[in-house]
Protein backbone atom coordinates (compact mmCIF):
# COMPACT_ATOMS: atom_id res chain seq x y z
CA UNK A 1 -86.27 66.33 -111.59
CA UNK A 2 -86.46 67.28 -115.53
CA UNK A 3 -88.29 65.23 -117.58
CA UNK A 4 -86.16 65.95 -120.76
CA UNK A 5 -81.92 67.48 -120.76
CA UNK A 6 -81.25 68.46 -124.11
CA UNK A 7 -77.70 69.04 -124.29
CA UNK A 8 -76.07 71.08 -126.83
CA UNK A 9 -74.58 74.16 -128.45
CA UNK A 10 -76.14 77.34 -128.00
CA UNK A 11 -75.12 80.60 -129.86
CA UNK A 12 -76.14 84.40 -130.07
CA UNK A 13 -78.07 84.90 -132.37
CA UNK A 14 -78.39 87.61 -134.48
CA UNK A 15 -81.26 88.58 -137.51
CA UNK A 16 -83.00 91.21 -139.29
CA UNK A 17 -85.62 92.43 -137.94
CA UNK A 18 -88.05 91.86 -140.93
CA UNK A 19 -87.11 88.75 -143.33
CA UNK A 20 -84.87 90.89 -145.79
CA UNK A 21 -81.13 90.05 -146.54
CA UNK A 22 -78.39 90.87 -143.93
CA UNK A 23 -76.43 93.37 -145.89
CA UNK A 24 -79.28 95.62 -146.02
CA UNK A 25 -81.23 95.50 -142.84
CA UNK A 26 -81.57 98.19 -141.30
CA UNK A 27 -82.36 97.01 -137.44
CA UNK A 28 -81.22 93.44 -136.47
CA UNK A 29 -83.06 90.90 -134.00
CA UNK A 30 -80.44 89.20 -130.95
CA UNK A 31 -81.72 86.68 -129.65
CA UNK A 32 -80.44 82.26 -128.15
CA UNK A 33 -80.33 79.85 -131.27
CA UNK A 34 -79.07 76.33 -130.55
CA UNK A 35 -80.77 73.10 -132.22
CA UNK A 36 -81.34 71.87 -128.74
CA UNK A 37 -82.31 74.51 -126.28
CA UNK A 38 -85.03 75.69 -129.19
CA UNK A 39 -86.26 71.49 -128.94
CA UNK A 40 -86.08 72.48 -124.19
CA UNK A 41 -87.52 76.12 -125.20
CA UNK A 42 -90.55 74.57 -127.28
CA UNK A 43 -91.21 71.62 -124.48
CA UNK A 44 -91.12 74.09 -121.81
CA UNK A 45 -93.73 76.06 -123.69
CA UNK A 46 -95.83 73.00 -124.22
CA UNK A 47 -95.52 72.43 -119.67
CA UNK A 48 -93.12 70.09 -120.38
CA UNK A 49 -89.87 69.94 -116.90
CA UNK A 50 -86.54 70.76 -119.10
CA UNK A 51 -83.48 71.23 -118.83
CA UNK A 52 -80.38 72.47 -121.35
CA UNK A 53 -77.04 71.44 -120.55
CA UNK A 54 -73.97 73.22 -122.16
CA UNK A 55 -70.59 76.03 -121.90
CA UNK A 56 -70.72 79.19 -122.42
CA UNK A 57 -67.96 82.16 -122.53
CA UNK A 58 -67.78 84.09 -119.12
CA UNK A 59 -68.89 87.33 -121.25
CA UNK A 60 -71.86 89.56 -122.11
CA UNK A 61 -73.56 87.85 -124.85
CA UNK A 62 -73.24 84.59 -122.03
CA UNK A 63 -75.24 85.65 -119.47
CA UNK A 64 -77.69 86.90 -122.14
CA UNK A 65 -77.95 83.60 -123.35
CA UNK A 66 -78.19 82.47 -120.13
CA UNK A 67 -81.15 84.90 -118.67
CA UNK A 68 -83.07 84.10 -122.26
CA UNK A 69 -83.32 80.40 -121.54
CA UNK A 70 -84.36 80.83 -118.42
CA UNK A 71 -86.65 82.90 -118.69
CA UNK A 72 -88.63 81.05 -121.69
CA UNK A 73 -88.88 77.93 -117.93
CA UNK A 74 -85.38 76.12 -119.24
CA UNK A 75 -83.55 74.87 -116.29
CA UNK A 76 -79.82 75.72 -116.13
CA UNK A 77 -78.28 74.26 -113.81
CA UNK A 78 -76.12 72.12 -115.98
CA UNK A 79 -74.65 74.89 -117.64
CA UNK A 80 -71.03 75.91 -116.80
CA UNK A 81 -69.55 79.21 -117.37
CA UNK A 82 -65.81 78.92 -118.94
CA UNK A 83 -63.36 82.31 -118.59
CA UNK A 84 -61.48 81.01 -121.16
CA UNK A 85 -63.29 80.36 -124.40
CA UNK A 86 -65.72 82.63 -125.79
CA UNK A 87 -69.68 82.32 -126.71
CA UNK A 88 -70.54 81.58 -129.93
CA UNK A 89 -72.54 83.97 -132.68
CA UNK A 90 -74.43 83.47 -136.23
CA UNK A 91 -76.34 85.21 -138.69
CA UNK A 92 -79.15 84.08 -140.49
CA UNK A 93 -79.23 85.98 -143.48
CA UNK A 94 -82.53 85.42 -145.55
CA UNK A 95 -83.21 85.48 -149.18
CA UNK A 96 -85.67 84.88 -151.71
CA UNK A 97 -84.19 81.21 -152.05
CA UNK A 98 -84.25 80.02 -148.69
CA UNK A 99 -81.56 81.57 -145.40
CA UNK A 100 -78.34 81.21 -145.36
CA UNK A 101 -76.17 81.08 -142.29
CA UNK A 102 -72.92 82.37 -141.36
CA UNK A 103 -70.99 80.92 -138.05
CA UNK A 104 -68.85 82.69 -135.87
CA UNK A 105 -68.24 79.32 -133.39
CA UNK A 106 -64.34 78.06 -133.69
CA UNK A 107 -63.13 77.39 -130.00
CA UNK A 108 -66.33 78.55 -128.33
CA UNK A 109 -66.53 77.30 -124.80
CA UNK A 110 -69.21 75.15 -126.14
CA UNK A 111 -66.65 73.08 -128.35
CA UNK A 112 -64.68 72.13 -125.10
CA UNK A 113 -67.21 69.99 -123.44
CA UNK A 114 -65.52 66.15 -123.30
CA UNK A 115 -66.64 62.84 -121.65
CA UNK A 116 -66.45 64.17 -118.26
CA UNK A 117 -69.30 67.33 -118.57
CA UNK A 118 -72.14 66.10 -116.85
CA UNK A 119 -72.21 63.84 -113.36
CA UNK A 120 -73.48 60.19 -113.90
CA UNK A 121 -76.24 61.33 -111.98
CA UNK A 122 -77.04 64.15 -114.15
CA UNK A 123 -76.91 62.20 -116.83
CA UNK A 124 -79.47 59.24 -115.71
CA UNK A 125 -81.29 61.27 -113.50
CA UNK A 126 -84.51 62.49 -116.68
CA UNK A 127 -86.92 60.62 -118.31
CA UNK A 128 -84.89 61.54 -121.95
CA UNK A 129 -81.79 62.90 -123.33
CA UNK A 130 -81.53 65.03 -127.02
CA UNK A 131 -78.94 64.99 -128.57
CA UNK A 132 -77.80 66.20 -132.15
CA UNK A 133 -75.37 65.11 -134.33
CA UNK A 134 -74.22 68.69 -134.18
CA UNK A 135 -72.10 68.11 -131.10
CA UNK A 136 -69.86 65.35 -132.12
CA UNK A 137 -68.73 67.81 -135.39
CA UNK A 138 -67.59 70.93 -132.96
CA UNK A 139 -64.43 69.24 -131.32
CA UNK A 140 -62.79 65.81 -131.01
CA UNK A 141 -63.99 65.99 -126.49
CA UNK A 142 -67.20 66.90 -127.91
CA UNK A 143 -67.76 63.69 -130.36
CA UNK A 144 -66.83 61.59 -126.94
CA UNK A 145 -68.74 63.24 -124.93
CA UNK A 146 -71.99 62.55 -127.44
CA UNK A 147 -70.61 58.41 -127.81
CA UNK A 148 -70.32 58.61 -123.75
CA UNK A 149 -74.09 60.26 -122.97
CA UNK A 150 -75.83 57.25 -125.51
CA UNK A 151 -74.82 54.04 -123.59
CA UNK A 152 -77.01 55.91 -120.45
CA UNK A 153 -79.40 53.12 -119.64
CA UNK A 154 -82.97 55.73 -120.52
CA UNK A 155 -83.76 56.37 -123.60
CA UNK A 156 -82.28 59.47 -125.97
CA UNK A 157 -83.32 61.38 -129.40
CA UNK A 158 -81.12 61.79 -131.51
CA UNK A 159 -81.57 64.90 -134.24
CA UNK A 160 -78.89 63.71 -137.21
CA UNK A 161 -79.14 67.59 -137.90
CA UNK A 162 -76.45 67.21 -140.68
CA UNK A 163 -74.18 70.84 -140.48
CA UNK A 164 -72.47 70.86 -143.81
CA UNK A 165 -70.56 74.23 -142.58
CA UNK A 166 -69.32 72.03 -139.81
CA UNK A 167 -68.37 68.88 -142.09
CA UNK A 168 -68.73 68.01 -145.57
CA UNK A 169 -71.87 64.50 -146.22
CA UNK A 170 -68.39 62.41 -147.01
CA UNK A 171 -66.74 63.49 -143.51
CA UNK A 172 -70.15 62.80 -141.80
CA UNK A 173 -71.66 59.93 -143.34
CA UNK A 174 -70.13 56.92 -141.59
CA UNK A 175 -69.92 59.10 -137.64
CA UNK A 176 -73.92 60.36 -137.83
CA UNK A 177 -74.95 57.36 -139.27
CA UNK A 178 -73.29 54.83 -136.42
CA UNK A 179 -74.51 58.00 -133.99
CA UNK A 180 -77.14 57.39 -134.74
CA UNK A 181 -77.60 53.75 -134.82
CA UNK A 182 -77.39 54.03 -130.97
CA UNK A 183 -79.94 56.17 -130.31
CA UNK A 184 -83.87 54.95 -129.44
CA UNK A 185 -85.46 57.45 -131.76
CA UNK A 186 -83.45 59.01 -134.16
CA UNK A 187 -85.36 62.06 -136.63
CA UNK A 188 -83.61 62.73 -139.92
CA UNK A 189 -84.81 64.84 -143.11
CA UNK A 190 -85.10 62.95 -146.03
CA UNK A 191 -82.73 65.39 -147.63
CA UNK A 192 -80.20 65.49 -145.39
CA UNK A 193 -80.13 61.44 -145.22
CA UNK A 194 -80.70 61.56 -149.02
CA UNK A 195 -76.99 64.13 -149.37
CA UNK A 196 -75.52 61.41 -146.26
CA UNK A 197 -75.90 58.22 -147.21
CA UNK A 198 -77.56 58.49 -151.06
CA UNK A 199 -81.34 56.96 -149.76
CA UNK A 200 -84.22 58.10 -151.75
CA UNK A 201 -87.15 57.04 -149.63
CA UNK A 202 -88.65 57.25 -145.99
CA UNK A 203 -87.92 52.87 -146.34
CA UNK A 204 -84.98 53.62 -147.30
CA UNK A 205 -83.70 55.72 -144.54
CA UNK A 206 -85.04 53.12 -142.02
CA UNK A 207 -83.27 50.40 -144.07
CA UNK A 208 -80.48 52.67 -142.89
CA UNK A 209 -80.36 53.15 -139.87
CA UNK A 210 -82.42 49.70 -138.34
CA UNK A 211 -81.71 49.24 -134.37
CA UNK A 212 -83.74 52.34 -132.80
CA UNK A 213 -86.47 51.55 -131.64
CA UNK A 214 -88.38 54.85 -133.79
CA UNK A 215 -87.34 56.28 -136.79
CA UNK A 216 -88.80 59.50 -137.86
CA UNK A 217 -88.33 60.83 -141.38
CA UNK A 218 -89.14 64.16 -142.69
CA UNK A 219 -89.84 64.89 -145.69
CA UNK A 220 -89.83 68.80 -145.72
CA UNK A 221 -93.61 70.21 -146.69
CA UNK A 222 -95.18 66.52 -147.61
CA UNK A 223 -95.16 64.16 -144.96
CA UNK A 224 -93.95 62.77 -141.95
CA UNK A 225 -92.86 59.02 -141.41
CA UNK A 226 -92.85 57.17 -137.76
CA UNK A 227 -91.36 53.57 -138.34
CA UNK A 228 -91.36 51.96 -135.03
CA UNK A 229 -93.43 48.73 -134.03
CA UNK A 230 -95.97 50.71 -136.56
CA UNK A 231 -95.72 53.00 -138.88
CA UNK A 232 -97.24 56.08 -138.96
CA UNK A 233 -97.69 58.78 -141.95
CA UNK A 234 -99.00 62.50 -141.03
CA UNK A 235 -99.28 64.73 -144.33
CA UNK A 236 -98.04 68.40 -143.31
CA UNK A 237 -100.33 71.27 -142.87
CA UNK A 238 -99.95 73.53 -145.27
CA UNK A 239 -97.52 76.79 -144.50
CA UNK A 240 -97.00 80.44 -145.74
CA UNK A 241 -93.49 80.26 -144.89
CA UNK A 242 -91.94 83.37 -143.61
CA UNK A 243 -88.07 81.76 -142.66
CA UNK A 244 -87.26 78.51 -142.49
CA UNK A 245 -85.10 78.30 -139.63
CA UNK A 246 -85.34 76.00 -136.61
CA UNK A 247 -88.65 74.36 -137.95
CA UNK A 248 -87.04 70.71 -137.79
CA UNK A 249 -86.29 71.72 -134.04
CA UNK A 250 -90.49 72.76 -132.85
CA UNK A 251 -90.89 69.46 -134.91
CA UNK A 252 -88.98 67.06 -133.05
CA UNK A 253 -90.25 69.33 -129.48
CA UNK A 254 -93.71 68.38 -130.57
CA UNK A 255 -92.95 65.05 -131.12
CA UNK A 256 -91.30 64.34 -127.96
CA UNK A 257 -94.04 65.98 -126.59
CA UNK A 258 -96.62 63.50 -127.76
CA UNK A 259 -94.16 60.84 -126.69
CA UNK A 260 -93.96 62.24 -123.04
CA UNK A 261 -97.85 62.44 -123.30
CA UNK A 262 -98.48 59.11 -124.71
CA UNK A 263 -99.73 60.15 -127.56
CA UNK A 264 -100.04 57.21 -130.50
CA UNK A 265 -97.56 57.88 -133.37
CA UNK A 266 -100.44 59.45 -135.80
CA UNK A 267 -101.14 62.66 -132.94
CA UNK A 268 -96.73 62.66 -131.82
CA UNK A 269 -96.42 63.60 -135.55
CA UNK A 270 -99.45 65.89 -135.68
CA UNK A 271 -97.70 67.77 -132.87
CA UNK A 272 -94.71 67.94 -134.19
CA UNK A 273 -96.29 69.33 -137.88
CA UNK A 274 -98.25 71.76 -136.28
CA UNK A 275 -95.02 73.44 -133.94
CA UNK A 276 -92.96 72.98 -137.07
CA UNK A 277 -95.73 74.73 -138.53
CA UNK A 278 -95.59 78.12 -136.10
CA UNK A 279 -92.48 78.09 -136.27
CA UNK A 280 -92.76 78.68 -140.43
CA UNK A 281 -94.68 81.90 -139.27
CA UNK A 282 -91.85 83.61 -137.62
CA UNK A 283 -88.47 84.51 -137.93
CA UNK A 284 -87.46 83.58 -134.64
CA UNK A 285 -86.03 79.84 -133.66
CA UNK A 286 -88.42 79.21 -131.14
CA UNK A 287 -92.03 81.21 -132.17
CA UNK A 288 -94.80 80.72 -129.43
CA UNK A 289 -96.49 77.15 -129.70
CA UNK A 290 -100.48 77.12 -130.47
CA UNK A 291 -102.30 77.33 -127.35
CA UNK A 292 -103.37 73.80 -125.99
CA UNK A 293 -107.19 74.15 -126.65
CA UNK A 294 -106.51 74.53 -130.67
CA UNK A 295 -103.53 71.72 -130.15
CA UNK A 296 -106.33 69.18 -128.70
CA UNK A 297 -108.69 70.53 -131.71
CA UNK A 298 -106.35 69.77 -133.91
CA UNK A 299 -104.81 66.36 -132.62
CA UNK A 300 -108.31 65.50 -132.26
CA UNK A 301 -110.02 66.17 -135.94
CA UNK A 302 -110.32 63.67 -138.67
CA UNK A 303 -107.94 63.18 -141.31
CA UNK A 304 -109.77 64.96 -144.42
CA UNK A 305 -109.64 67.79 -141.50
CA UNK A 306 -106.71 67.96 -141.12
CA UNK A 307 -105.41 67.92 -144.45
CA UNK A 308 -107.21 70.85 -145.19
CA UNK A 309 -105.55 72.39 -142.68
CA UNK A 310 -103.18 76.12 -143.94
CA UNK A 311 -101.09 78.31 -141.63
CA UNK A 312 -100.30 82.01 -142.96
CA UNK A 313 -98.39 84.72 -141.00
CA UNK A 314 -101.42 86.99 -141.20
């Protein structure tokens, strides 16, 4: 039985093999890319039993993605294959001011999911269900599915993950706040919370999202703050960033791994930062996490040592 079920769309991710602009790159990688399956892959790499649920097209890309997720140690029993809709595709375009992402996902197989997707048994069995704010933006059926899943008896983790390409902030603000308020654990970046709800600080976010048991606010390369029974604040390590897309998923996986292991708030945030740091050193959405011995050492270090941590691609 899986500890965690992650649900959401995964697409074929095409990225330059080197961190250069898409239009001048000469070689490319083709991988599986999706927020929720990224979390699943990271959790599996950390030794957790995890499944991923979605729909894929009955096409070569769908078969390739399914095999890639399975190779990563993630269970794919809840994945359905559709012959009437394609697998989505997206491209990463690295640049000096950050990475631009180009999506080709309209009418994808995953967008056909609705409230009838997954049985009650599949939804209730895992210890934890992980969702994101991407899924409800895919279709009306996907929105109904997420609302149904948020009513499960067990805990639900929800990453706000606002995607302006899917719905602008003025359209997404209300629905994303409503959905986040129904979750038990919420992840949100301070920058996206500012764009959505006009808040300025992590404390403002907590006041905006006052119902979840835990709200984790990530302030980019600065700090992460977890509001729960107590408040934990942990600065991010210094990182020589290669490519930022996917770091938020790595952070969520690290935090959830700590939750499943019974860590306190500080250690959960440290796990999140460590996985995010290693993700930032790669153009891939889910790079290999640090080894268990290194993680244990960093989790146990004093605050001064932690504050001096730095990572580089070399």
